């Protein structure tokens, strides 16, 4: 968000592939409404949220940030794959 020129007032980090419990999302929604903030997530997590159980109004308060991985050196992705296999 900061890298895209936005201001981050509060943040909550969750591990990759986190299963969002409805009470976690309700707490985030309540905090955002209380503080007059928007919720921001990645497109990947937004897709998961859209297909899960979310509190009423949650998706209306959600902004989606599309991110793209860019490697400065072209050979890096091939090297990562090669070292992983």
PDB file of N, CA and C in Angstrom:
ATOM      1  N   UNK A   1       0.841  -1.187   0.000  1.00  0.00           N
ATOM      2  CA  UNK A   1       0.000   0.000   0.000  1.00  0.00           C
ATOM      3  C   UNK A   1       0.881   1.244   0.000  1.00  0.00           C
ATOM      4  N   UNK A   2       1.879   1.248   0.879  1.00  0.00           N
ATOM      5  CA  UNK A   2       2.786   2.407   0.918  1.00  0.00           C
ATOM      6  C   UNK A   2       3.512   2.570  -0.409  1.00  0.00           C
ATOM      7  N   UNK A   3       3.945   1.440  -0.983  1.00  0.00           N
ATOM      8  CA  UNK A   3       4.653   1.472  -2.255  1.00  0.00           C
ATOM      9  C   UNK A   3       3.809   2.015  -3.396  1.00  0.00           C
ATOM     10  N   UNK A   4       2.493   1.922  -3.243  1.00  0.00           N
ATOM     11  CA  UNK A   4       1.581   2.439  -4.260  1.00  0.00           C
ATOM     12  C   UNK A   4       1.146   3.868  -3.948  1.00  0.00           C
ATOM     13  N   UNK A   5       1.735   4.458  -2.893  1.00  0.00           N
ATOM     14  CA  UNK A   5       1.428   5.833  -2.545  1.00  0.00           C
ATOM     15  C   UNK A   5       0.322   6.004  -1.526  1.00  0.00           C
ATOM     16  N   UNK A   6      -0.139   4.902  -0.948  1.00  0.00           N
ATOM     17  CA  UNK A   6      -1.200   4.975   0.052  1.00  0.00           C
ATOM     18  C   UNK A   6      -0.656   5.126   1.455  1.00  0.00           C
ATOM     19  N   UNK A   7      -1.533   5.495   2.352  1.00  0.00           N
ATOM     20  CA  UNK A   7      -1.179   5.637   3.766  1.00  0.00           C
ATOM     21  C   UNK A   7      -1.737   4.444   4.533  1.00  0.00           C
ATOM     22  N   UNK A   8      -0.924   3.868   5.393  1.00  0.00           N
ATOM     23  CA  UNK A   8      -1.353   2.744   6.221  1.00  0.00           C
ATOM     24  C   UNK A   8      -1.549   3.261   7.641  1.00  0.00           C
ATOM     25  N   UNK A   9      -2.796   3.253   8.098  1.00  0.00           N
ATOM     26  CA  UNK A   9      -3.097   3.720   9.453  1.00  0.00           C
ATOM     27  C   UNK A   9      -2.934   2.593  10.463  1.00  0.00           C
ATOM     28  N   UNK A  10      -3.371   1.407  10.109  1.00  0.00           N
ATOM     29  CA  UNK A  10      -3.263   0.209  10.949  1.00  0.00           C
ATOM     30  C   UNK A  10      -2.984  -0.973  10.040  1.00  0.00           C
ATOM     31  N   UNK A  11      -2.353  -1.990  10.568  1.00  0.00           N
ATOM     32  CA  UNK A  11      -2.163  -3.196   9.759  1.00  0.00           C
ATOM     33  C   UNK A  11      -2.285  -4.435  10.629  1.00  0.00           C
ATOM     34  N   UNK A  12      -2.767  -5.469  10.006  1.00  0.00           N
ATOM     35  CA  UNK A  12      -2.847  -6.787  10.626  1.00  0.00           C
ATOM     36  C   UNK A  12      -2.302  -7.767   9.602  1.00  0.00           C
ATOM     37  N   UNK A  13      -1.308  -8.527   9.974  1.00  0.00           N
ATOM     38  CA  UNK A  13      -0.711  -9.494   9.054  1.00  0.00           C
ATOM     39  C   UNK A  13      -1.190 -10.895   9.404  1.00  0.00           C
ATOM     40  N   UNK A  14      -1.451 -11.666   8.383  1.00  0.00           N
ATOM     41  CA  UNK A  14      -1.846 -13.059   8.539  1.00  0.00           C
ATOM     42  C   UNK A  14      -0.900 -13.909   7.707  1.00  0.00           C
ATOM     43  N   UNK A  15      -0.636 -15.137   8.144  1.00  0.00           N
ATOM     44  CA  UNK A  15       0.252 -15.999   7.361  1.00  0.00           C
ATOM     45  C   UNK A  15      -0.360 -16.347   6.001  1.00  0.00           C
ATOM     46  N   UNK A  16       0.489 -16.722   5.066  1.00  0.00           N
ATOM     47  CA  UNK A  16       0.026 -17.154   3.756  1.00  0.00           C
ATOM     48  C   UNK A  16      -0.898 -18.361   3.925  1.00  0.00           C
ATOM     49  N   UNK A  17      -1.938 -18.426   3.130  1.00  0.00           N
ATOM     50  CA  UNK A  17      -2.929 -19.518   3.165  1.00  0.00           C
ATOM     51  C   UNK A  17      -3.703 -19.569   4.480  1.00  0.00           C
ATOM     52  N   UNK A  18      -3.788 -18.449   5.171  1.00  0.00           N
ATOM     53  CA  UNK A  18      -4.515 -18.386   6.443  1.00  0.00           C
ATOM     54  C   UNK A  18      -6.005 -18.601   6.199  1.00  0.00           C
ATOM     55  N   UNK A  19      -6.637 -19.409   7.041  1.00  0.00           N
ATOM     56  CA  UNK A  19      -8.086 -19.575   6.999  1.00  0.00           C
ATOM     57  C   UNK A  19      -8.689 -18.480   7.862  1.00  0.00           C
ATOM     58  N   UNK A  20      -9.402 -17.563   7.249  1.00  0.00           N
ATOM     59  CA  UNK A  20      -9.977 -16.435   7.974  1.00  0.00           C
ATOM     60  C   UNK A  20     -11.251 -16.872   8.683  1.00  0.00           C
ATOM     61  N   UNK A  21     -11.234 -16.801  10.006  1.00  0.00           N
ATOM     62  CA  UNK A  21     -12.427 -17.105  10.792  1.00  0.00           C
ATOM     63  C   UNK A  21     -13.373 -15.909  10.703  1.00  0.00           C
ATOM     64  N   UNK A  22     -14.660 -16.181  10.722  1.00  0.00           N
ATOM     65  CA  UNK A  22     -15.637 -15.106  10.580  1.00  0.00           C
ATOM     66  C   UNK A  22     -15.503 -14.065  11.690  1.00  0.00           C
ATOM     67  N   UNK A  23     -15.132 -14.504  12.902  1.00  0.00           N
ATOM     68  CA  UNK A  23     -14.977 -13.530  13.992  1.00  0.00           C
ATOM     69  C   UNK A  23     -13.765 -12.625  13.769  1.00  0.00           C
ATOM     70  N   UNK A  24     -12.696 -13.136  13.144  1.00  0.00           N
ATOM     71  CA  UNK A  24     -11.538 -12.294  12.804  1.00  0.00           C
ATOM     72  C   UNK A  24     -11.961 -11.193  11.829  1.00  0.00           C
ATOM     73  N   UNK A  25     -12.727 -11.595  10.830  1.00  0.00           N
ATOM     74  CA  UNK A  25     -13.169 -10.638   9.823  1.00  0.00           C
ATOM     75  C   UNK A  25     -14.140  -9.625  10.418  1.00  0.00           C
ATOM     76  N   UNK A  26     -15.004 -10.083  11.311  1.00  0.00           N
ATOM     77  CA  UNK A  26     -15.941  -9.169  11.975  1.00  0.00           C
ATOM     78  C   UNK A  26     -15.182  -8.139  12.808  1.00  0.00           C
ATOM     79  N   UNK A  27     -14.127  -8.573  13.490  1.00  0.00           N
ATOM     80  CA  UNK A  27     -13.304  -7.646  14.278  1.00  0.00           C
ATOM     81  C   UNK A  27     -12.623  -6.615  13.378  1.00  0.00           C
ATOM     82  N   UNK A  28     -12.088  -7.068  12.232  1.00  0.00           N
ATOM     83  CA  UNK A  28     -11.450  -6.143  11.292  1.00  0.00           C
ATOM     84  C   UNK A  28     -12.461  -5.135  10.753  1.00  0.00           C
ATOM     85  N   UNK A  29     -13.643  -5.615  10.414  1.00  0.00           N
ATOM     86  CA  UNK A  29     -14.684  -4.740   9.888  1.00  0.00           C
ATOM     87  C   UNK A  29     -15.106  -3.706  10.928  1.00  0.00           C
ATOM     88  N   UNK A  30     -15.298  -4.146  12.166  1.00  0.00           N
ATOM     89  CA  UNK A  30     -15.701  -3.226  13.237  1.00  0.00           C
ATOM     90  C   UNK A  30     -14.635  -2.163  13.469  1.00  0.00           C
ATOM     91  N   UNK A  31     -13.369  -2.567  13.477  1.00  0.00           N
ATOM     92  CA  UNK A  31     -12.275  -1.620  13.680  1.00  0.00           C
ATOM     93  C   UNK A  31     -12.207  -0.613  12.529  1.00  0.00           C
ATOM     94  N   UNK A  32     -12.337  -1.103  11.301  1.00  0.00           N
ATOM     95  CA  UNK A  32     -12.295  -0.207  10.143  1.00  0.00           C
ATOM     96  C   UNK A  32     -13.426   0.815  10.203  1.00  0.00           C
ATOM     97  N   UNK A  33     -14.604   0.359  10.549  1.00  0.00           N
ATOM     98  CA  UNK A  33     -15.748   1.281  10.637  1.00  0.00           C
ATOM     99  C   UNK A  33     -15.555   2.287  11.769  1.00  0.00           C
ATOM    100  N   UNK A  34     -15.067   1.802  12.900  1.00  0.00           N
ATOM    101  CA  UNK A  34     -14.847   2.668  14.066  1.00  0.00           C
ATOM    102  C   UNK A  34     -13.835   3.766  13.763  1.00  0.00           C
ATOM    103  N   UNK A  35     -12.783   3.414  13.038  1.00  0.00           N
ATOM    104  CA  UNK A  35     -11.702   4.359  12.743  1.00  0.00           C
ATOM    105  C   UNK A  35     -11.902   5.104  11.422  1.00  0.00           C
ATOM    106  N   UNK A  36     -12.958   4.771  10.686  1.00  0.00           N
ATOM    107  CA  UNK A  36     -13.198   5.415   9.393  1.00  0.00           C
ATOM    108  C   UNK A  36     -12.180   5.015   8.344  1.00  0.00           C
ATOM    109  N   UNK A  37     -11.782   3.747   8.362  1.00  0.00           N
ATOM    110  CA  UNK A  37     -10.748   3.245   7.459  1.00  0.00           C
ATOM    111  C   UNK A  37     -11.327   2.259   6.454  1.00  0.00           C
ATOM    112  N   UNK A  38     -10.569   2.010   5.408  1.00  0.00           N
ATOM    113  CA  UNK A  38     -10.901   0.982   4.427  1.00  0.00           C
ATOM    114  C   UNK A  38     -10.028  -0.229   4.698  1.00  0.00           C
ATOM    115  N   UNK A  39     -10.551  -1.405   4.390  1.00  0.00           N
ATOM    116  CA  UNK A  39      -9.771  -2.634   4.475  1.00  0.00           C
ATOM    117  C   UNK A  39      -9.107  -2.859   3.120  1.00  0.00           C
ATOM    118  N   UNK A  40      -7.853  -3.272   3.127  1.00  0.00           N
ATOM    119  CA  UNK A  40      -7.109  -3.505   1.890  1.00  0.00           C
ATOM    120  C   UNK A  40      -6.479  -4.884   1.956  1.00  0.00           C
ATOM    121  N   UNK A  41      -6.577  -5.627   0.858  1.00  0.00           N
ATOM    122  CA  UNK A  41      -5.960  -6.944   0.775  1.00  0.00           C
ATOM    123  C   UNK A  41      -5.474  -7.175  -0.648  1.00  0.00           C
ATOM    124  N   UNK A  42      -4.755  -8.258  -0.842  1.00  0.00           N
ATOM    125  CA  UNK A  42      -4.277  -8.612  -2.175  1.00  0.00           C
ATOM    126  C   UNK A  42      -5.397  -9.283  -2.966  1.00  0.00           C
ATOM    127  N   UNK A  43      -5.252  -9.312  -4.278  1.00  0.00           N
ATOM    128  CA  UNK A  43      -6.237  -9.968  -5.139  1.00  0.00           C
ATOM    129  C   UNK A  43      -6.349 -11.449  -4.787  1.00  0.00           C
ATOM    130  N   UNK A  44      -5.236 -12.071  -4.453  1.00  0.00           N
ATOM    131  CA  UNK A  44      -5.235 -13.494  -4.089  1.00  0.00           C
ATOM    132  C   UNK A  44      -6.118 -13.739  -2.868  1.00  0.00           C
ATOM    133  N   UNK A  45      -5.937 -12.951  -1.824  1.00  0.00           N
ATOM    134  CA  UNK A  45      -6.751 -13.136  -0.624  1.00  0.00           C
ATOM    135  C   UNK A  45      -8.190 -12.687  -0.848  1.00  0.00           C
ATOM    136  N   UNK A  46      -8.397 -11.680  -1.669  1.00  0.00           N
ATOM    137  CA  UNK A  46      -9.763 -11.231  -1.956  1.00  0.00           C
ATOM    138  C   UNK A  46     -10.561 -12.339  -2.626  1.00  0.00           C
ATOM    139  N   UNK A  47      -9.928 -13.085  -3.522  1.00  0.00           N
ATOM    140  CA  UNK A  47     -10.619 -14.200  -4.181  1.00  0.00           C
ATOM    141  C   UNK A  47     -11.040 -15.244  -3.157  1.00  0.00           C
ATOM    142  N   UNK A  48     -10.182 -15.522  -2.210  1.00  0.00           N
ATOM    143  CA  UNK A  48     -10.523 -16.490  -1.163  1.00  0.00           C
ATOM    144  C   UNK A  48     -11.645 -15.961  -0.281  1.00  0.00           C
ATOM    145  N   UNK A  49     -11.601 -14.676   0.035  1.00  0.00           N
ATOM    146  CA  UNK A  49     -12.631 -14.079   0.885  1.00  0.00           C
ATOM    147  C   UNK A  49     -13.994 -14.077   0.192  1.00  0.00           C
ATOM    148  N   UNK A  50     -14.002 -13.847  -1.107  1.00  0.00           N
ATOM    149  CA  UNK A  50     -15.270 -13.804  -1.850  1.00  0.00           C
ATOM    150  C   UNK A  50     -15.959 -15.169  -1.890  1.00  0.00           C
ATOM    151  N   UNK A  51     -15.207 -16.223  -1.700  1.00  0.00           N
ATOM    152  CA  UNK A  51     -15.780 -17.572  -1.750  1.00  0.00           C
ATOM    153  C   UNK A  51     -15.922 -18.190  -0.366  1.00  0.00           C
ATOM    154  N   UNK A  52     -15.763 -17.405   0.668  1.00  0.00           N
ATOM    155  CA  UNK A  52     -15.869 -17.909   2.036  1.00  0.00           C
ATOM    156  C   UNK A  52     -17.004 -17.230   2.785  1.00  0.00           C
ATOM    157  N   UNK A  53     -17.090 -17.543   4.051  1.00  0.00           N
ATOM    158  CA  UNK A  53     -18.089 -16.926   4.924  1.00  0.00           C
ATOM    159  C   UNK A  53     -17.522 -15.614   5.454  1.00  0.00           C
ATOM    160  N   UNK A  54     -18.168 -14.521   5.099  1.00  0.00           N
ATOM    161  CA  UNK A  54     -17.716 -13.206   5.562  1.00  0.00           C
ATOM    162  C   UNK A  54     -18.893 -12.460   6.188  1.00  0.00           C
ATOM    163  N   UNK A  55     -18.613 -11.591   7.147  1.00  0.00           N
ATOM    164  CA  UNK A  55     -19.689 -10.813   7.769  1.00  0.00           C
ATOM    165  C   UNK A  55     -20.374  -9.894   6.748  1.00  0.00           C
ATOM    166  N   UNK A  56     -21.637  -9.604   6.990  1.00  0.00           N
ATOM    167  CA  UNK A  56     -22.381  -8.690   6.118  1.00  0.00           C
ATOM    168  C   UNK A  56     -21.651  -7.352   6.036  1.00  0.00           C
ATOM    169  N   UNK A  57     -21.498  -6.840   4.836  1.00  0.00           N
ATOM    170  CA  UNK A  57     -20.854  -5.550   4.629  1.00  0.00           C
ATOM    171  C   UNK A  57     -19.342  -5.610   4.511  1.00  0.00           C
ATOM    172  N   UNK A  58     -18.749  -6.771   4.759  1.00  0.00           N
ATOM    173  CA  UNK A  58     -17.284  -6.872   4.749  1.00  0.00           C
ATOM    174  C   UNK A  58     -16.721  -6.565   3.361  1.00  0.00           C
ATOM    175  N   UNK A  59     -17.261  -7.209   2.337  1.00  0.00           N
ATOM    176  CA  UNK A  59     -16.723  -7.023   0.991  1.00  0.00           C
ATOM    177  C   UNK A  59     -16.939  -5.597   0.486  1.00  0.00           C
ATOM    178  N   UNK A  60     -17.987  -4.921   0.978  1.00  0.00           N
ATOM    179  CA  UNK A  60     -18.226  -3.530   0.589  1.00  0.00           C
ATOM    180  C   UNK A  60     -17.156  -2.596   1.148  1.00  0.00           C
ATOM    181  N   UNK A  61     -16.514  -2.988   2.225  1.00  0.00           N
ATOM    182  CA  UNK A  61     -15.492  -2.174   2.896  1.00  0.00           C
ATOM    183  C   UNK A  61     -14.084  -2.540   2.412  1.00  0.00           C
ATOM    184  N   UNK A  62     -13.998  -3.497   1.470  1.00  0.00           N
ATOM    185  CA  UNK A  62     -12.718  -4.069   1.065  1.00  0.00           C
ATOM    186  C   UNK A  62     -12.225  -3.477  -0.250  1.00  0.00           C
ATOM    187  N   UNK A  63     -10.988  -2.986  -0.243  1.00  0.00           N
ATOM    188  CA  UNK A  63     -10.305  -2.568  -1.466  1.00  0.00           C
ATOM    189  C   UNK A  63      -9.248  -3.610  -1.784  1.00  0.00           C
ATOM    190  N   UNK A  64      -9.082  -3.887  -3.075  1.00  0.00           N
ATOM    191  CA  UNK A  64      -8.159  -4.935  -3.510  1.00  0.00           C
ATOM    192  C   UNK A  64      -6.958  -4.303  -4.197  1.00  0.00           C
ATOM    193  N   UNK A  65      -5.778  -4.691  -3.738  1.00  0.00           N
ATOM    194  CA  UNK A  65      -4.531  -4.192  -4.298  1.00  0.00           C
ATOM    195  C   UNK A  65      -3.924  -5.283  -5.172  1.00  0.00           C
ATOM    196  N   UNK A  66      -3.829  -5.007  -6.468  1.00  0.00           N
ATOM    197  CA  UNK A  66      -3.173  -5.948  -7.378  1.00  0.00           C
ATOM    198  C   UNK A  66      -1.671  -5.741  -7.275  1.00  0.00           C
ATOM    199  N   UNK A  67      -0.962  -6.813  -7.007  1.00  0.00           N
ATOM    200  CA  UNK A  67       0.492  -6.720  -6.918  1.00  0.00           C
ATOM    201  C   UNK A  67       1.115  -7.619  -7.971  1.00  0.00           C
ATOM    202  N   UNK A  68       2.325  -7.290  -8.341  1.00  0.00           N
ATOM    203  CA  UNK A  68       3.036  -8.044  -9.354  1.00  0.00           C
ATOM    204  C   UNK A  68       4.473  -8.228  -8.891  1.00  0.00           C
ATOM    205  N   UNK A  69       4.948  -9.450  -8.984  1.00  0.00           N
ATOM    206  CA  UNK A  69       6.346  -9.720  -8.646  1.00  0.00           C
ATOM    207  C   UNK A  69       7.207  -9.352  -9.857  1.00  0.00           C
ATOM    208  N   UNK A  70       8.187  -8.509  -9.625  1.00  0.00           N
ATOM    209  CA  UNK A  70       9.094  -8.093 -10.688  1.00  0.00           C
ATOM    210  C   UNK A  70      10.509  -8.386 -10.225  1.00  0.00           C
ATOM    211  N   UNK A  71      11.224  -9.141 -11.031  1.00  0.00           N
ATOM    212  CA  UNK A  71      12.604  -9.482 -10.713  1.00  0.00           C
ATOM    213  C   UNK A  71      13.532  -8.555 -11.484  1.00  0.00           C
ATOM    214  N   UNK A  72      14.504  -7.994 -10.785  1.00  0.00           N
ATOM    215  CA  UNK A  72      15.441  -7.088 -11.439  1.00  0.00           C
ATOM    216  C   UNK A  72      16.345  -7.825 -12.421  1.00  0.00           C
ATOM    217  N   UNK A  73      16.631  -9.070 -12.140  1.00  0.00           N
ATOM    218  CA  UNK A  73      17.469  -9.873 -13.025  1.00  0.00           C
ATOM    219  C   UNK A  73      16.612 -10.980 -13.628  1.00  0.00           C
ATOM    220  N   UNK A  74      16.624 -11.094 -14.953  1.00  0.00           N
ATOM    221  CA  UNK A  74      15.751 -12.043 -15.647  1.00  0.00           C
ATOM    222  C   UNK A  74      15.990 -13.497 -15.268  1.00  0.00           C
ATOM    223  N   UNK A  75      17.192 -13.852 -14.866  1.00  0.00           N
ATOM    224  CA  UNK A  75      17.496 -15.257 -14.593  1.00  0.00           C
ATOM    225  C   UNK A  75      17.023 -15.715 -13.213  1.00  0.00           C
ATOM    226  N   UNK A  76      16.599 -14.817 -12.365  1.00  0.00           N
ATOM    227  CA  UNK A  76      16.223 -15.171 -10.991  1.00  0.00           C
ATOM    228  C   UNK A  76      15.071 -16.177 -10.934  1.00  0.00           C
ATOM    229  N   UNK A  77      13.961 -15.992 -11.678  1.00  0.00           N
ATOM    230  CA  UNK A  77      12.884 -16.990 -11.580  1.00  0.00           C
ATOM    231  C   UNK A  77      13.333 -18.399 -11.966  1.00  0.00           C
ATOM    232  N   UNK A  78      14.114 -18.516 -13.037  1.00  0.00           N
ATOM    233  CA  UNK A  78      14.595 -19.838 -13.451  1.00  0.00           C
ATOM    234  C   UNK A  78      15.502 -20.450 -12.385  1.00  0.00           C
ATOM    235  N   UNK A  79      16.313 -19.619 -11.771  1.00  0.00           N
ATOM    236  CA  UNK A  79      17.216 -20.104 -10.723  1.00  0.00           C
ATOM    237  C   UNK A  79      16.431 -20.601  -9.512  1.00  0.00           C
ATOM    238  N   UNK A  80      15.410 -19.861  -9.118  1.00  0.00           N
ATOM    239  CA  UNK A  80      14.582 -20.276  -7.982  1.00  0.00           C
ATOM    240  C   UNK A  80      13.915 -21.612  -8.281  1.00  0.00           C
ATOM    241  N   UNK A  81      13.360 -21.744  -9.481  1.00  0.00           N
ATOM    242  CA  UNK A  81      12.710 -23.001  -9.858  1.00  0.00           C
ATOM    243  C   UNK A  81      13.725 -24.128  -9.902  1.00  0.00           C
ATOM    244  N   UNK A  82      14.877 -23.883 -10.497  1.00  0.00           N
ATOM    245  CA  UNK A  82      15.913 -24.909 -10.581  1.00  0.00           C
ATOM    246  C   UNK A  82      16.397 -25.373  -9.224  1.00  0.00           C
ATOM    247  N   UNK A  83      16.558 -24.462  -8.287  1.00  0.00           N
ATOM    248  CA  UNK A  83      17.012 -24.824  -6.945  1.00  0.00           C
ATOM    249  C   UNK A  83      15.925 -25.543  -6.156  1.00  0.00           C
ATOM    250  N   UNK A  84      14.675 -25.283  -6.493  1.00  0.00           N
ATOM    251  CA  UNK A  84      13.561 -25.916  -5.792  1.00  0.00           C
ATOM    252  C   UNK A  84      13.355 -27.346  -6.268  1.00  0.00           C
ATOM    253  N   UNK A  85      13.534 -27.568  -7.542  1.00  0.00           N
ATOM    254  CA  UNK A  85      13.342 -28.914  -8.099  1.00  0.00           C
ATOM    255  C   UNK A  85      14.525 -29.737  -7.745  1.00  0.00           C
TER     256      UNK A  85
END
